[in-house]
Every structure is written in structure tokens, then in C-alpha cells.
Protein backbone atom coordinates (compact mmCIF):
# COMPACT_ATOMS: atom_id res chain seq x y z
CA MET A 1 0.04 -0.06 -0.02
CA ILE A 2 1.21 3.31 -0.78
CA THR A 3 0.46 6.46 1.29
CA SER A 4 0.82 9.91 -0.55
CA THR A 5 -0.16 13.53 0.30
CA ILE A 6 -2.33 15.48 -2.13
CA SER A 7 0.62 17.80 -3.34
CA ASN A 8 2.81 14.74 -3.79
CA THR A 9 0.19 12.84 -5.75
CA LYS A 10 -0.17 15.90 -8.00
CA ASN A 11 3.65 15.99 -8.58
CA ARG A 12 4.12 12.19 -9.05
CA LEU A 13 0.75 11.15 -10.64
CA SER A 14 2.23 9.07 -13.35
CA GLU A 15 4.67 7.08 -11.07
CA LEU A 16 2.04 6.51 -8.69
CA LEU A 17 -0.37 5.35 -11.13
CA ALA A 18 2.03 2.93 -12.79
CA ARG A 19 2.57 1.56 -9.16
CA VAL A 20 -1.14 1.17 -8.96
CA GLN A 21 -1.58 -0.60 -12.50
CA SER A 22 1.19 -3.09 -11.05
CA GLY A 23 -1.27 -4.02 -8.12
CA GLU A 24 -0.61 -1.69 -5.30
CA THR A 25 -3.14 0.57 -3.54
CA LEU A 26 -2.65 4.34 -3.17
CA ILE A 27 -4.10 5.98 -0.14
CA ILE A 28 -4.29 9.88 -0.55
CA VAL A 29 -4.06 11.60 2.65
CA ASP A 30 -4.99 15.39 3.54
CA ARG A 31 -2.90 16.42 6.57
CA LYS A 32 -2.66 12.54 7.67
CA THR A 33 -6.38 11.98 7.21
CA PRO A 34 -7.19 9.44 4.34
CA VAL A 35 -9.36 10.85 1.81
CA ALA A 36 -9.15 8.79 -1.19
CA ARG A 37 -8.23 5.08 -2.05
CA VAL A 38 -7.04 4.49 -5.75
CA GLU A 39 -7.09 0.63 -6.57
CA ARG A 40 -6.45 -0.98 -10.00
CA ILE A 41 -9.57 -2.01 -12.00
CA ARG A 42 -8.98 -5.70 -13.09
CA GLU A 43 -12.34 -6.24 -15.04
CA VAL A 44 -14.63 -3.53 -16.52
CA ALA A 45 -17.40 -6.33 -15.92
CA ASP A 46 -16.58 -6.17 -12.22
CA ASN A 47 -17.40 -2.25 -12.28
CA PRO A 48 -20.64 -1.86 -14.16
CA HIS A 49 -20.50 1.79 -13.63
CA ILE A 50 -17.48 2.13 -15.78
CA LEU A 51 -18.37 1.45 -19.34
CA PRO A 52 -16.98 2.40 -22.61
CA ALA A 53 -18.56 5.25 -24.47
CA VAL A 54 -21.17 4.10 -27.14
CA LYS A 55 -20.15 6.78 -29.62
CA LYS A 56 -16.96 8.51 -29.95
CA TRP A 57 -17.35 12.17 -28.33
CA ASN A 58 -17.14 14.76 -30.82
CA PRO A 59 -17.42 18.21 -29.26
CA ALA A 60 -17.39 20.15 -32.50
CA ARG A 61 -20.83 18.66 -33.14
CA ILE A 62 -22.16 20.77 -30.42
CA LEU A 63 -21.89 23.79 -32.97
CA ASP A 64 -24.27 21.84 -35.35
CA LEU A 65 -27.08 21.86 -32.99
CA PRO A 66 -30.03 23.98 -33.75
CA ILE A 67 -30.47 27.37 -32.10
CA GLN A 68 -33.85 27.79 -30.68
CA ALA A 69 -35.03 31.36 -31.24
CA ALA A 70 -36.53 33.20 -28.29
CA THR A 71 -40.31 33.68 -28.62
CA GLU A 72 -42.61 36.00 -26.71
CA GLY A 73 -43.54 34.53 -23.53
CA SER A 74 -40.70 31.99 -23.32
CA PRO A 75 -38.59 31.86 -20.18
CA SER A 76 -35.95 34.51 -19.82
CA LEU A 77 -32.62 33.66 -18.50
CA VAL A 78 -32.19 37.30 -17.10
CA ALA A 79 -35.43 36.80 -15.50
CA ALA A 80 -34.62 33.64 -13.92
CA VAL A 81 -31.23 35.16 -12.50
CA VAL A 82 -33.14 38.00 -11.22
CA ASP A 83 -35.87 35.80 -9.50
CA GLU A 84 -33.00 33.57 -7.88
CA ARG A 85 -31.26 36.65 -6.45
CA GLU A 86 -34.48 38.19 -5.15
CA ALA A 87 -34.99 34.74 -3.47
CA GLY A 88 -31.82 35.11 -1.50
CA TRP A 89 -29.49 32.88 -3.53
């Protein structure tokens, strides 16, 4: 088991992850208090919440999405922000 501070983990992340890949467990501490445990994932099937993407992500496609024009009576972002601020947020 490897124990590392947050700053040390940031500075040596590649090295620490290589050790995790070889089977060690990394415990990240903040002022001697453990805050995270990093372990090697052996099988994706054992971790059903980690699934490969169905389609490749292409951020440029966002630019191709249609822009909906504002219409009379449609919700206003400005009005929503004003309402939120008046409510004390």
C-alpha cells in the first residue's frame, strides 16, 4: 500500500498510477487524514458503472445543434437570475 499527500500525488501522479497498475493500492491523505483510495480496475465487468462510450465524443458537433429562437412568453435567463437573486441565492 502506498500513502501519499495530495501535493505529492499531484507531482508524481504518473509514477503513482504506474504502481497502482502493477497492483498496489494508493491512499491519498490530507494532513494525515485519508481522503481517497485508488485501486487497479481488473475487469470492467466487475465495475458496471465504468462502461466504454457507445459513440466517440466529438465536441465540434455541439456547433451543429440548432439554435432555438426566443419567442414571446418564453422563459428568460435574465428573469430567472433576477428571481434567484431576489429569493436570496
